[in-house]
C-alpha atoms as a PDB file:
ATOM      1  CA  MET A   1       9.920   9.454  32.654  1.00  0.00           C
ATOM      2  CA  SER A   2       9.697  13.458  30.829  1.00  0.00           C
ATOM      3  CA  THR A   3      13.631  12.464  29.293  1.00  0.00           C
ATOM      4  CA  VAL A   4      12.746   9.347  27.267  1.00  0.00           C
ATOM      5  CA  LEU A   5      10.035  11.867  26.496  1.00  0.00           C
ATOM      6  CA  GLU A   6      11.778  14.357  25.256  1.00  0.00           C
ATOM      7  CA  GLN A   7      14.288  11.889  22.724  1.00  0.00           C
ATOM      8  CA  ILE A   8      11.491  10.260  21.205  1.00  0.00           C
ATOM      9  CA  GLU A   9      10.498  13.868  20.386  1.00  0.00           C
ATOM     10  CA  GLN A  10      14.161  15.328  19.432  1.00  0.00           C
ATOM     11  CA  GLN A  11      14.557  12.051  16.809  1.00  0.00           C
ATOM     12  CA  ILE A  12      11.113  12.492  15.901  1.00  0.00           C
ATOM     13  CA  ALA A  13      12.312  16.850  14.881  1.00  0.00           C
ATOM     14  CA  LYS A  14      16.251  15.263  12.966  1.00  0.00           C
ATOM     15  CA  LEU A  15      13.892  13.140  10.615  1.00  0.00           C
ATOM     16  CA  SER A  16      13.470  14.362   6.935  1.00  0.00           C
ATOM     17  CA  THR A  17      10.847  13.366   4.582  1.00  0.00           C
ATOM     18  CA  LYS A  18      12.315  12.818   1.055  1.00  0.00           C
ATOM     19  CA  ALA A  19      10.808  11.434  -2.369  1.00  0.00           C
ATOM     20  CA  VAL A  20      10.588   7.699  -2.774  1.00  0.00           C
ATOM     21  CA  LYS A  21       9.828   5.981  -5.532  1.00  0.00           C
ATOM     22  CA  LYS A  22       6.189   4.423  -5.869  1.00  0.00           C
ATOM     23  CA  ASN A  23       6.381   1.168  -8.080  1.00  0.00           C
ATOM     24  CA  THR A  24       2.175   2.054  -8.855  1.00  0.00           C
ATOM     25  CA  GLY A  25       0.395   0.815 -11.637  1.00  0.00           C
ATOM     26  CA  THR A  26      -3.038   1.358 -13.428  1.00  0.00           C
ATOM     27  CA  ILE A  27      -6.690  -0.772 -12.558  1.00  0.00           C
ATOM     28  CA  ARG A  28      -7.644  -2.850 -16.534  1.00  0.00           C
ATOM     29  CA  THR A  29     -10.846  -4.440 -14.568  1.00  0.00           C
ATOM     30  CA  VAL A  30     -12.486  -4.981 -11.044  1.00  0.00           C
ATOM     31  CA  ALA A  31     -15.414  -7.826 -11.075  1.00  0.00           C
ATOM     32  CA  ASP A  32     -16.163 -10.290  -8.433  1.00  0.00           C
ATOM     33  CA  GLY A  33     -14.242  -8.915  -5.853  1.00  0.00           C
ATOM     34  CA  VAL A  34     -10.389  -9.451  -8.174  1.00  0.00           C
ATOM     35  CA  ALA A  35      -8.409  -6.041  -9.492  1.00  0.00           C
ATOM     36  CA  LYS A  36      -6.684  -6.472 -12.927  1.00  0.00           C
ATOM     37  CA  ILE A  37      -3.243  -3.604 -12.729  1.00  0.00           C
ATOM     38  CA  GLU A  38      -0.642  -3.234 -15.191  1.00  0.00           C
ATOM     39  CA  GLY A  39       1.571  -1.757 -14.483  1.00  0.00           C
ATOM     40  CA  LEU A  40       3.332  -2.765 -11.258  1.00  0.00           C
ATOM     41  CA  SER A  41       6.816  -4.359 -12.224  1.00  0.00           C
ATOM     42  CA  ASP A  42       7.860  -5.061  -9.125  1.00  0.00           C
ATOM     43  CA  VAL A  43       5.217  -6.472  -7.091  1.00  0.00           C
ATOM     44  CA  MET A  44       6.107  -9.759  -4.838  1.00  0.00           C
ATOM     45  CA  TYR A  45       2.769 -12.232  -4.070  1.00  0.00           C
ATOM     46  CA  ASN A  46       1.026 -11.464  -1.123  1.00  0.00           C
ATOM     47  CA  GLU A  47       2.227  -7.216  -1.026  1.00  0.00           C
ATOM     48  CA  MET A  48      -0.754  -5.345  -0.057  1.00  0.00           C
ATOM     49  CA  VAL A  49      -2.204  -2.874  -3.071  1.00  0.00           C
ATOM     50  CA  GLN A  50      -3.350   0.682  -1.219  1.00  0.00           C
ATOM     51  CA  PHE A  51      -6.387   1.471  -4.326  1.00  0.00           C
ATOM     52  CA  PRO A  52      -8.342   5.164  -3.926  1.00  0.00           C
ATOM     53  CA  GLY A  53     -10.500   5.814  -1.882  1.00  0.00           C
ATOM     54  CA  GLY A  54      -8.167   3.908   1.085  1.00  0.00           C
ATOM     55  CA  ALA A  55      -9.030   0.354  -0.429  1.00  0.00           C
ATOM     56  CA  ILE A  56      -6.440  -2.996   0.082  1.00  0.00           C
ATOM     57  CA  GLY A  57      -5.997  -5.652  -1.657  1.00  0.00           C
ATOM     58  CA  ILE A  58      -3.635  -8.064  -2.014  1.00  0.00           C
ATOM     59  CA  ALA A  59      -1.130  -9.359  -4.862  1.00  0.00           C
ATOM     60  CA  LEU A  60      -1.646 -13.224  -5.869  1.00  0.00           C
ATOM     61  CA  ASN A  61      -1.912 -13.305  -9.823  1.00  0.00           C
ATOM     62  CA  LEU A  62       1.640 -12.256 -10.865  1.00  0.00           C
ATOM     63  CA  GLU A  63       1.940 -12.581 -14.519  1.00  0.00           C
ATOM     64  CA  GLU A  64       4.153 -11.221 -16.971  1.00  0.00           C
ATOM     65  CA  ASP A  65       1.692  -7.916 -17.311  1.00  0.00           C
ATOM     66  CA  GLU A  66      -0.541  -7.989 -15.442  1.00  0.00           C
ATOM     67  CA  VAL A  67      -0.874  -8.341 -11.754  1.00  0.00           C
ATOM     68  CA  GLY A  68      -4.147  -9.835  -9.464  1.00  0.00           C
ATOM     69  CA  CYS A  69      -5.188  -8.668  -6.450  1.00  0.00           C
ATOM     70  CA  VAL A  70      -8.225 -10.076  -4.139  1.00  0.00           C
ATOM     71  CA  VAL A  71      -9.627  -6.516  -2.725  1.00  0.00           C
ATOM     72  CA  LEU A  72      -9.911  -6.412   1.046  1.00  0.00           C
ATOM     73  CA  GLY A  73     -13.300  -3.313   0.351  1.00  0.00           C
ATOM     74  CA  ASP A  74     -16.024  -2.126  -0.876  1.00  0.00           C
ATOM     75  CA  ILE A  75     -14.381  -2.590  -4.793  1.00  0.00           C
ATOM     76  CA  SER A  76     -17.770   0.004  -6.176  1.00  0.00           C
ATOM     77  CA  LYS A  77     -15.331   3.423  -6.027  1.00  0.00           C
ATOM     78  CA  LEU A  78     -12.899   1.756  -8.338  1.00  0.00           C
ATOM     79  CA  LYS A  79     -12.983   2.204 -10.902  1.00  0.00           C
ATOM     80  CA  GLU A  80     -10.836   1.103 -14.618  1.00  0.00           C
ATOM     81  CA  PHE A  81      -7.264   3.030 -14.897  1.00  0.00           C
ATOM     82  CA  SER A  82      -7.127   4.356 -11.310  1.00  0.00           C
ATOM     83  CA  LYS A  83      -4.033   3.949 -10.068  1.00  0.00           C
ATOM     84  CA  ALA A  84      -2.846   1.637  -7.284  1.00  0.00           C
ATOM     85  CA  ILE A  85       0.387   1.430  -5.265  1.00  0.00           C
ATOM     86  CA  SER A  86       2.442  -1.596  -3.987  1.00  0.00           C
ATOM     87  CA  LYS A  87       3.577  -1.069   0.213  1.00  0.00           C
ATOM     88  CA  LEU A  88       5.448  -3.246   1.934  1.00  0.00           C
ATOM     89  CA  VAL A  89       3.578  -5.056   4.303  1.00  0.00           C
ATOM     90  CA  CYS A  90       5.916  -4.589   7.535  1.00  0.00           C
ATOM     91  CA  ALA A  91       6.049  -0.737   6.527  1.00  0.00           C
ATOM     92  CA  ILE A  92       2.431  -0.528   7.108  1.00  0.00           C
ATOM     93  CA  ILE A  93       2.514  -2.483  10.319  1.00  0.00           C
ATOM     94  CA  PHE A  94       4.867  -1.135  11.826  1.00  0.00           C
ATOM     95  CA  GLU A  95       3.553   2.438  10.650  1.00  0.00           C
ATOM     96  CA  MET A  96       0.415   1.414  13.063  1.00  0.00           C
ATOM     97  CA  ALA A  97       2.473  -0.087  15.532  1.00  0.00           C
ATOM     98  CA  PHE A  98       4.461   2.446  15.895  1.00  0.00           C
ATOM     99  CA  LEU A  99       1.245   5.504  16.251  1.00  0.00           C
ATOM    100  CA  ASN A 100      -0.611   2.403  19.259  1.00  0.00           C
ATOM    101  CA  GLN A 101      -3.173   1.423  16.604  1.00  0.00           C
ATOM    102  CA  ILE A 102      -2.594  -2.336  16.810  1.00  0.00           C
END
């Protein structure tokens, strides 16, 4: 058991961090639990979007120049012209599973 743990620790020690391009956008409006975001050009349908303050949303309405996201959480902290970042769901699930949070 300890050898497995040592191998995992060695693999973690070998990990390196690097800069990753993020798909970011700007919140234009927030009303009735829906945020309209401009600039998320690479977002996909049902992709998770992270807002400032830790709120999460799901991209549902993909238009040519903006994306409509249903916000899951408190929208009172969301302000117009704040940044929003798209995240792939599979990456978040992997991170949570790896950290034993599921």
